Amino acid sequence: MKDEDIIPGLNYTLDENDKVSAIMTDVQTYVDEMTAAFITGKQDFGKWDDYKKTLDKMGLQSYLEIAQGTYERTQKQK
């Protein structure tokens, strides 16, 4: 693996960190619960689109936008 292929840790601003923490706390809990449900068969994979829609409603896209902006800012500082 090349050094340029390694994604650096993201250094969020205080405001970004607050937003990311709020989003990812709920998202991670939901992902953990649904992962177990899909693996054990308690949740049918036919519900996969509902799973993705729920993640979107929980703010996953906002998290990705913040993370992308933070990554781009980090790359400019190099």
PDB file of N, CA and C in Angstrom:
ATOM      1  N   MET A   1       0.850  -1.179   0.000  1.00  0.00           N
ATOM      2  CA  MET A   1       0.000   0.000   0.000  1.00  0.00           C
ATOM      3  C   MET A   1       0.892   1.237   0.000  1.00  0.00           C
ATOM      4  N   LYS A   2       0.519   2.205  -0.794  1.00  0.00           N
ATOM      5  CA  LYS A   2       1.279   3.445  -0.892  1.00  0.00           C
ATOM      6  C   LYS A   2       0.816   4.416   0.183  1.00  0.00           C
ATOM      7  N   ASP A   3       1.727   5.281   0.634  1.00  0.00           N
ATOM      8  CA  ASP A   3       1.386   6.268   1.654  1.00  0.00           C
ATOM      9  C   ASP A   3       0.219   7.143   1.219  1.00  0.00           C
ATOM     10  N   GLU A   4       0.177   7.512  -0.064  1.00  0.00           N
ATOM     11  CA  GLU A   4      -0.899   8.397  -0.528  1.00  0.00           C
ATOM     12  C   GLU A   4      -2.266   7.703  -0.571  1.00  0.00           C
ATOM     13  N   ASP A   5      -2.286   6.384  -0.430  1.00  0.00           N
ATOM     14  CA  ASP A   5      -3.541   5.636  -0.403  1.00  0.00           C
ATOM     15  C   ASP A   5      -4.147   5.541   0.998  1.00  0.00           C
ATOM     16  N   ILE A   6      -3.390   5.940   2.001  1.00  0.00           N
ATOM     17  CA  ILE A   6      -3.862   5.868   3.387  1.00  0.00           C
ATOM     18  C   ILE A   6      -4.627   7.149   3.707  1.00  0.00           C
ATOM     19  N   ILE A   7      -5.846   6.985   4.151  1.00  0.00           N
ATOM     20  CA  ILE A   7      -6.671   8.140   4.501  1.00  0.00           C
ATOM     21  C   ILE A   7      -6.283   8.605   5.902  1.00  0.00           C
ATOM     22  N   PRO A   8      -5.960   9.885   6.035  1.00  0.00           N
ATOM     23  CA  PRO A   8      -5.554  10.382   7.358  1.00  0.00           C
ATOM     24  C   PRO A   8      -6.750  10.497   8.297  1.00  0.00           C
ATOM     25  N   GLY A   9      -6.469  10.566   9.582  1.00  0.00           N
ATOM     26  CA  GLY A   9      -7.532  10.833  10.552  1.00  0.00           C
ATOM     27  C   GLY A   9      -8.121  12.203  10.272  1.00  0.00           C
ATOM     28  N   LEU A  10      -9.388  12.367  10.523  1.00  0.00           N
ATOM     29  CA  LEU A  10     -10.039  13.633  10.246  1.00  0.00           C
ATOM     30  C   LEU A  10     -10.066  14.489  11.501  1.00  0.00           C
ATOM     31  N   ASN A  11      -9.636  15.730  11.351  1.00  0.00           N
ATOM     32  CA  ASN A  11      -9.639  16.677  12.460  1.00  0.00           C
ATOM     33  C   ASN A  11     -10.785  17.655  12.264  1.00  0.00           C
ATOM     34  N   TYR A  12     -11.897  17.365  12.927  1.00  0.00           N
ATOM     35  CA  TYR A  12     -13.081  18.195  12.803  1.00  0.00           C
ATOM     36  C   TYR A  12     -12.947  19.464  13.631  1.00  0.00           C
ATOM     37  N   THR A  13     -13.632  20.532  13.185  1.00  0.00           N
ATOM     38  CA  THR A  13     -13.758  21.715  14.022  1.00  0.00           C
ATOM     39  C   THR A  13     -14.689  21.348  15.179  1.00  0.00           C
ATOM     40  N   LEU A  14     -14.784  22.207  16.172  1.00  0.00           N
ATOM     41  CA  LEU A  14     -15.679  21.927  17.307  1.00  0.00           C
ATOM     42  C   LEU A  14     -17.119  21.776  16.835  1.00  0.00           C
ATOM     43  N   ASP A  15     -17.552  22.651  15.942  1.00  0.00           N
ATOM     44  CA  ASP A  15     -18.920  22.579  15.422  1.00  0.00           C
ATOM     45  C   ASP A  15     -19.142  21.292  14.637  1.00  0.00           C
ATOM     46  N   GLU A  16     -18.190  20.947  13.777  1.00  0.00           N
ATOM     47  CA  GLU A  16     -18.295  19.713  13.006  1.00  0.00           C
ATOM     48  C   GLU A  16     -18.315  18.500  13.926  1.00  0.00           C
ATOM     49  N   ASN A  17     -17.473  18.522  14.942  1.00  0.00           N
ATOM     50  CA  ASN A  17     -17.405  17.408  15.878  1.00  0.00           C
ATOM     51  C   ASN A  17     -18.738  17.201  16.591  1.00  0.00           C
ATOM     52  N   ASP A  18     -19.372  18.284  16.988  1.00  0.00           N
ATOM     53  CA  ASP A  18     -20.684  18.184  17.644  1.00  0.00           C
ATOM     54  C   ASP A  18     -21.714  17.543  16.717  1.00  0.00           C
ATOM     55  N   LYS A  19     -21.715  17.974  15.462  1.00  0.00           N
ATOM     56  CA  LYS A  19     -22.670  17.429  14.492  1.00  0.00           C
ATOM     57  C   LYS A  19     -22.394  15.951  14.216  1.00  0.00           C
ATOM     58  N   VAL A  20     -21.122  15.626  13.992  1.00  0.00           N
ATOM     59  CA  VAL A  20     -20.738  14.242  13.702  1.00  0.00           C
ATOM     60  C   VAL A  20     -21.077  13.332  14.875  1.00  0.00           C
ATOM     61  N   SER A  21     -20.787  13.780  16.075  1.00  0.00           N
ATOM     62  CA  SER A  21     -21.074  12.960  17.266  1.00  0.00           C
ATOM     63  C   SER A  21     -22.562  12.681  17.396  1.00  0.00           C
ATOM     64  N   ALA A  22     -23.371  13.718  17.175  1.00  0.00           N
ATOM     65  CA  ALA A  22     -24.823  13.549  17.297  1.00  0.00           C
ATOM     66  C   ALA A  22     -25.344  12.562  16.252  1.00  0.00           C
ATOM     67  N   ILE A  23     -24.858  12.674  15.035  1.00  0.00           N
ATOM     68  CA  ILE A  23     -25.328  11.790  13.964  1.00  0.00           C
ATOM     69  C   ILE A  23     -24.835  10.366  14.185  1.00  0.00           C
ATOM     70  N   MET A  24     -23.541  10.219  14.410  1.00  0.00           N
ATOM     71  CA  MET A  24     -22.941   8.893  14.416  1.00  0.00           C
ATOM     72  C   MET A  24     -23.287   8.061  15.647  1.00  0.00           C
ATOM     73  N   THR A  25     -23.640   8.679  16.742  1.00  0.00           N
ATOM     74  CA  THR A  25     -24.070   7.912  17.913  1.00  0.00           C
ATOM     75  C   THR A  25     -25.296   7.083  17.566  1.00  0.00           C
ATOM     76  N   ASP A  26     -26.289   7.730  16.982  1.00  0.00           N
ATOM     77  CA  ASP A  26     -27.515   7.024  16.600  1.00  0.00           C
ATOM     78  C   ASP A  26     -27.283   6.062  15.440  1.00  0.00           C
ATOM     79  N   VAL A  27     -26.512   6.508  14.449  1.00  0.00           N
ATOM     80  CA  VAL A  27     -26.257   5.663  13.281  1.00  0.00           C
ATOM     81  C   VAL A  27     -25.533   4.388  13.699  1.00  0.00           C
ATOM     82  N   GLN A  28     -24.509   4.507  14.521  1.00  0.00           N
ATOM     83  CA  GLN A  28     -23.737   3.328  14.907  1.00  0.00           C
ATOM     84  C   GLN A  28     -24.587   2.332  15.684  1.00  0.00           C
ATOM     85  N   THR A  29     -25.440   2.833  16.564  1.00  0.00           N
ATOM     86  CA  THR A  29     -26.335   1.956  17.309  1.00  0.00           C
ATOM     87  C   THR A  29     -27.270   1.217  16.353  1.00  0.00           C
ATOM     88  N   TYR A  30     -27.849   1.946  15.413  1.00  0.00           N
ATOM     89  CA  TYR A  30     -28.763   1.348  14.439  1.00  0.00           C
ATOM     90  C   TYR A  30     -28.040   0.317  13.570  1.00  0.00           C
ATOM     91  N   VAL A  31     -26.850   0.663  13.087  1.00  0.00           N
ATOM     92  CA  VAL A  31     -26.080  -0.263  12.245  1.00  0.00           C
ATOM     93  C   VAL A  31     -25.760  -1.537  13.020  1.00  0.00           C
ATOM     94  N   ASP A  32     -25.336  -1.390  14.267  1.00  0.00           N
ATOM     95  CA  ASP A  32     -25.018  -2.570  15.084  1.00  0.00           C
ATOM     96  C   ASP A  32     -26.238  -3.471  15.264  1.00  0.00           C
ATOM     97  N   GLU A  33     -27.377  -2.856  15.584  1.00  0.00           N
ATOM     98  CA  GLU A  33     -28.607  -3.630  15.785  1.00  0.00           C
ATOM     99  C   GLU A  33     -29.048  -4.330  14.500  1.00  0.00           C
ATOM    100  N   MET A  34     -29.002  -3.597  13.393  1.00  0.00           N
ATOM    101  CA  MET A  34     -29.459  -4.170  12.126  1.00  0.00           C
ATOM    102  C   MET A  34     -28.478  -5.216  11.588  1.00  0.00           C
ATOM    103  N   THR A  35     -27.204  -5.027  11.833  1.00  0.00           N
ATOM    104  CA  THR A  35     -26.222  -6.032  11.418  1.00  0.00           C
ATOM    105  C   THR A  35     -26.537  -7.356  12.092  1.00  0.00           C
ATOM    106  N   ALA A  36     -26.769  -7.301  13.395  1.00  0.00           N
ATOM    107  CA  ALA A  36     -27.120  -8.521  14.128  1.00  0.00           C
ATOM    108  C   ALA A  36     -28.427  -9.114  13.608  1.00  0.00           C
ATOM    109  N   ALA A  37     -29.400  -8.269  13.325  1.00  0.00           N
ATOM    110  CA  ALA A  37     -30.695  -8.751  12.840  1.00  0.00           C
ATOM    111  C   ALA A  37     -30.573  -9.408  11.462  1.00  0.00           C
ATOM    112  N   PHE A  38     -29.790  -8.814  10.586  1.00  0.00           N
ATOM    113  CA  PHE A  38     -29.601  -9.409   9.262  1.00  0.00           C
ATOM    114  C   PHE A  38     -28.847 -10.736   9.369  1.00  0.00           C
ATOM    115  N   ILE A  39     -27.829 -10.784  10.201  1.00  0.00           N
ATOM    116  CA  ILE A  39     -27.021 -12.006  10.339  1.00  0.00           C
ATOM    117  C   ILE A  39     -27.825 -13.142  10.943  1.00  0.00           C
ATOM    118  N   THR A  40     -28.624 -12.838  11.948  1.00  0.00           N
ATOM    119  CA  THR A  40     -29.383 -13.889  12.632  1.00  0.00           C
ATOM    120  C   THR A  40     -30.682 -14.251  11.919  1.00  0.00           C
ATOM    121  N   GLY A  41     -31.017 -13.506  10.885  1.00  0.00           N
ATOM    122  CA  GLY A  41     -32.232 -13.800  10.141  1.00  0.00           C
ATOM    123  C   GLY A  41     -33.480 -13.157  10.724  1.00  0.00           C
ATOM    124  N   LYS A  42     -33.330 -12.341  11.758  1.00  0.00           N
ATOM    125  CA  LYS A  42     -34.490 -11.653  12.329  1.00  0.00           C
ATOM    126  C   LYS A  42     -34.991 -10.538  11.406  1.00  0.00           C
ATOM    127  N   GLN A  43     -34.106 -10.103  10.509  1.00  0.00           N
ATOM    128  CA  GLN A  43     -34.479  -9.088   9.523  1.00  0.00           C
ATOM    129  C   GLN A  43     -34.198  -9.662   8.138  1.00  0.00           C
ATOM    130  N   ASP A  44     -35.170  -9.563   7.268  1.00  0.00           N
ATOM    131  CA  ASP A  44     -35.046 -10.080   5.907  1.00  0.00           C
ATOM    132  C   ASP A  44     -34.264  -9.090   5.048  1.00  0.00           C
ATOM    133  N   PHE A  45     -33.399  -9.601   4.173  1.00  0.00           N
ATOM    134  CA  PHE A  45     -32.634  -8.730   3.293  1.00  0.00           C
ATOM    135  C   PHE A  45     -33.513  -7.999   2.282  1.00  0.00           C
ATOM    136  N   GLY A  46     -34.747  -8.404   2.181  1.00  0.00           N
ATOM    137  CA  GLY A  46     -35.704  -7.668   1.363  1.00  0.00           C
ATOM    138  C   GLY A  46     -35.984  -6.279   1.922  1.00  0.00           C
ATOM    139  N   LYS A  47     -35.602  -6.061   3.163  1.00  0.00           N
ATOM    140  CA  LYS A  47     -35.784  -4.763   3.829  1.00  0.00           C
ATOM    141  C   LYS A  47     -34.551  -3.870   3.697  1.00  0.00           C
ATOM    142  N   TRP A  48     -33.601  -4.280   2.848  1.00  0.00           N
ATOM    143  CA  TRP A  48     -32.340  -3.545   2.721  1.00  0.00           C
ATOM    144  C   TRP A  48     -32.575  -2.088   2.299  1.00  0.00           C
ATOM    145  N   ASP A  49     -33.481  -1.853   1.365  1.00  0.00           N
ATOM    146  CA  ASP A  49     -33.755  -0.478   0.938  1.00  0.00           C
ATOM    147  C   ASP A  49     -34.326   0.352   2.078  1.00  0.00           C
ATOM    148  N   ASP A  50     -35.165  -0.249   2.915  1.00  0.00           N
ATOM    149  CA  ASP A  50     -35.689   0.450   4.089  1.00  0.00           C
ATOM    150  C   ASP A  50     -34.553   0.797   5.055  1.00  0.00           C
ATOM    151  N   TYR A  51     -33.630  -0.126   5.201  1.00  0.00           N
ATOM    152  CA  TYR A  51     -32.453   0.087   6.063  1.00  0.00           C
ATOM    153  C   TYR A  51     -31.667   1.306   5.575  1.00  0.00           C
ATOM    154  N   LYS A  52     -31.413   1.377   4.274  1.00  0.00           N
ATOM    155  CA  LYS A  52     -30.667   2.505   3.718  1.00  0.00           C
ATOM    156  C   LYS A  52     -31.442   3.811   3.860  1.00  0.00           C
ATOM    157  N   LYS A  53     -32.753   3.769   3.656  1.00  0.00           N
ATOM    158  CA  LYS A  53     -33.573   4.971   3.808  1.00  0.00           C
ATOM    159  C   LYS A  53     -33.539   5.476   5.248  1.00  0.00           C
ATOM    160  N   THR A  54     -33.565   4.548   6.198  1.00  0.00           N
ATOM    161  CA  THR A  54     -33.497   4.938   7.606  1.00  0.00           C
ATOM    162  C   THR A  54     -32.169   5.615   7.905  1.00  0.00           C
ATOM    163  N   LEU A  55     -31.081   5.072   7.370  1.00  0.00           N
ATOM    164  CA  LEU A  55     -29.767   5.697   7.567  1.00  0.00           C
ATOM    165  C   LEU A  55     -29.760   7.113   7.002  1.00  0.00           C
ATOM    166  N   ASP A  56     -30.360   7.296   5.836  1.00  0.00           N
ATOM    167  CA  ASP A  56     -30.441   8.637   5.254  1.00  0.00           C
ATOM    168  C   ASP A  56     -31.234   9.572   6.156  1.00  0.00           C
ATOM    169  N   LYS A  57     -32.357   9.091   6.681  1.00  0.00           N
ATOM    170  CA  LYS A  57     -33.181   9.909   7.578  1.00  0.00           C
ATOM    171  C   LYS A  57     -32.433  10.269   8.856  1.00  0.00           C
ATOM    172  N   MET A  58     -31.506   9.404   9.261  1.00  0.00           N
ATOM    173  CA  MET A  58     -30.737   9.641  10.483  1.00  0.00           C
ATOM    174  C   MET A  58     -29.607  10.649  10.261  1.00  0.00           C
ATOM    175  N   GLY A  59     -29.392  11.065   9.032  1.00  0.00           N
ATOM    176  CA  GLY A  59     -28.393  12.092   8.756  1.00  0.00           C
ATOM    177  C   GLY A  59     -27.068  11.584   8.228  1.00  0.00           C
ATOM    178  N   LEU A  60     -27.042  10.375   7.726  1.00  0.00           N
ATOM    179  CA  LEU A  60     -25.785   9.814   7.230  1.00  0.00           C
ATOM    180  C   LEU A  60     -25.186  10.667   6.107  1.00  0.00           C
ATOM    181  N   GLN A  61     -26.029  11.197   5.233  1.00  0.00           N
ATOM    182  CA  GLN A  61     -25.523  12.039   4.140  1.00  0.00           C
ATOM    183  C   GLN A  61     -24.857  13.295   4.696  1.00  0.00           C
ATOM    184  N   SER A  62     -25.423  13.877   5.737  1.00  0.00           N
ATOM    185  CA  SER A  62     -24.815  15.057   6.362  1.00  0.00           C
ATOM    186  C   SER A  62     -23.437  14.720   6.925  1.00  0.00           C
ATOM    187  N   TYR A  63     -23.348  13.550   7.561  1.00  0.00           N
ATOM    188  CA  TYR A  63     -22.052  13.108   8.076  1.00  0.00           C
ATOM    189  C   TYR A  63     -21.034  12.987   6.945  1.00  0.00           C
ATOM    190  N   LEU A  64     -21.435  12.361   5.839  1.00  0.00           N
ATOM    191  CA  LEU A  64     -20.524  12.170   4.715  1.00  0.00           C
ATOM    192  C   LEU A  64     -20.062  13.504   4.131  1.00  0.00           C
ATOM    193  N   GLU A  65     -20.954  14.478   4.078  1.00  0.00           N
ATOM    194  CA  GLU A  65     -20.593  15.797   3.575  1.00  0.00           C
ATOM    195  C   GLU A  65     -19.591  16.481   4.503  1.00  0.00           C
ATOM    196  N   ILE A  66     -19.809  16.374   5.795  1.00  0.00           N
ATOM    197  CA  ILE A  66     -18.880  16.957   6.765  1.00  0.00           C
ATOM    198  C   ILE A  66     -17.519  16.270   6.660  1.00  0.00           C
ATOM    199  N   ALA A  67     -17.528  14.941   6.613  1.00  0.00           N
ATOM    200  CA  ALA A  67     -16.275  14.191   6.520  1.00  0.00           C
ATOM    201  C   ALA A  67     -15.527  14.533   5.235  1.00  0.00           C
ATOM    202  N   GLN A  68     -16.240  14.651   4.116  1.00  0.00           N
ATOM    203  CA  GLN A  68     -15.599  14.997   2.841  1.00  0.00           C
ATOM    204  C   GLN A  68     -14.975  16.386   2.913  1.00  0.00           C
ATOM    205  N   GLY A  69     -15.709  17.337   3.472  1.00  0.00           N
ATOM    206  CA  GLY A  69     -15.181  18.696   3.616  1.00  0.00           C
ATOM    207  C   GLY A  69     -13.942  18.734   4.499  1.00  0.00           C
ATOM    208  N   THR A  70     -13.976  17.972   5.569  1.00  0.00           N
ATOM    209  CA  THR A  70     -12.833  17.911   6.476  1.00  0.00           C
ATOM    210  C   THR A  70     -11.640  17.281   5.776  1.00  0.00           C
ATOM    211  N   TYR A  71     -11.868  16.230   5.029  1.00  0.00           N
ATOM    212  CA  TYR A  71     -10.793  15.576   4.283  1.00  0.00           C
ATOM    213  C   TYR A  71     -10.177  16.542   3.271  1.00  0.00           C
ATOM    214  N   GLU A  72     -11.013  17.246   2.529  1.00  0.00           N
ATOM    215  CA  GLU A  72     -10.518  18.195   1.526  1.00  0.00           C
ATOM    216  C   GLU A  72      -9.721  19.314   2.180  1.00  0.00           C
ATOM    217  N   ARG A  73     -10.201  19.803   3.325  1.00  0.00           N
ATOM    218  CA  ARG A  73      -9.466  20.834   4.057  1.00  0.00           C
ATOM    219  C   ARG A  73      -8.095  20.325   4.489  1.00  0.00           C
ATOM    220  N   THR A  74      -8.047  19.090   4.946  1.00  0.00           N
ATOM    221  CA  THR A  74      -6.779  18.471   5.370  1.00  0.00           C
ATOM    222  C   THR A  74      -5.818  18.358   4.190  1.00  0.00           C
ATOM    223  N   GLN A  75      -6.339  17.987   3.020  1.00  0.00           N
ATOM    224  CA  GLN A  75      -5.494  17.839   1.842  1.00  0.00           C
ATOM    225  C   GLN A  75      -4.921  19.174   1.376  1.00  0.00           C
ATOM    226  N   LYS A  76      -5.678  20.252   1.525  1.00  0.00           N
ATOM    227  CA  LYS A  76      -5.203  21.582   1.141  1.00  0.00           C
ATOM    228  C   LYS A  76      -4.076  22.067   2.049  1.00  0.00           C
ATOM    229  N   GLN A  77      -4.082  21.591   3.294  1.00  0.00           N
ATOM    230  CA  GLN A  77      -3.078  22.039   4.264  1.00  0.00           C
ATOM    231  C   GLN A  77      -1.730  21.356   4.064  1.00  0.00           C
ATOM    232  N   LYS A  78      -1.682  20.360   3.214  1.00  0.00           N
ATOM    233  CA  LYS A  78      -0.422  19.633   2.992  1.00  0.00           C
ATOM    234  C   LYS A  78       0.548  20.444   2.170  1.00  0.00           C
TER     235      LYS A  78
END
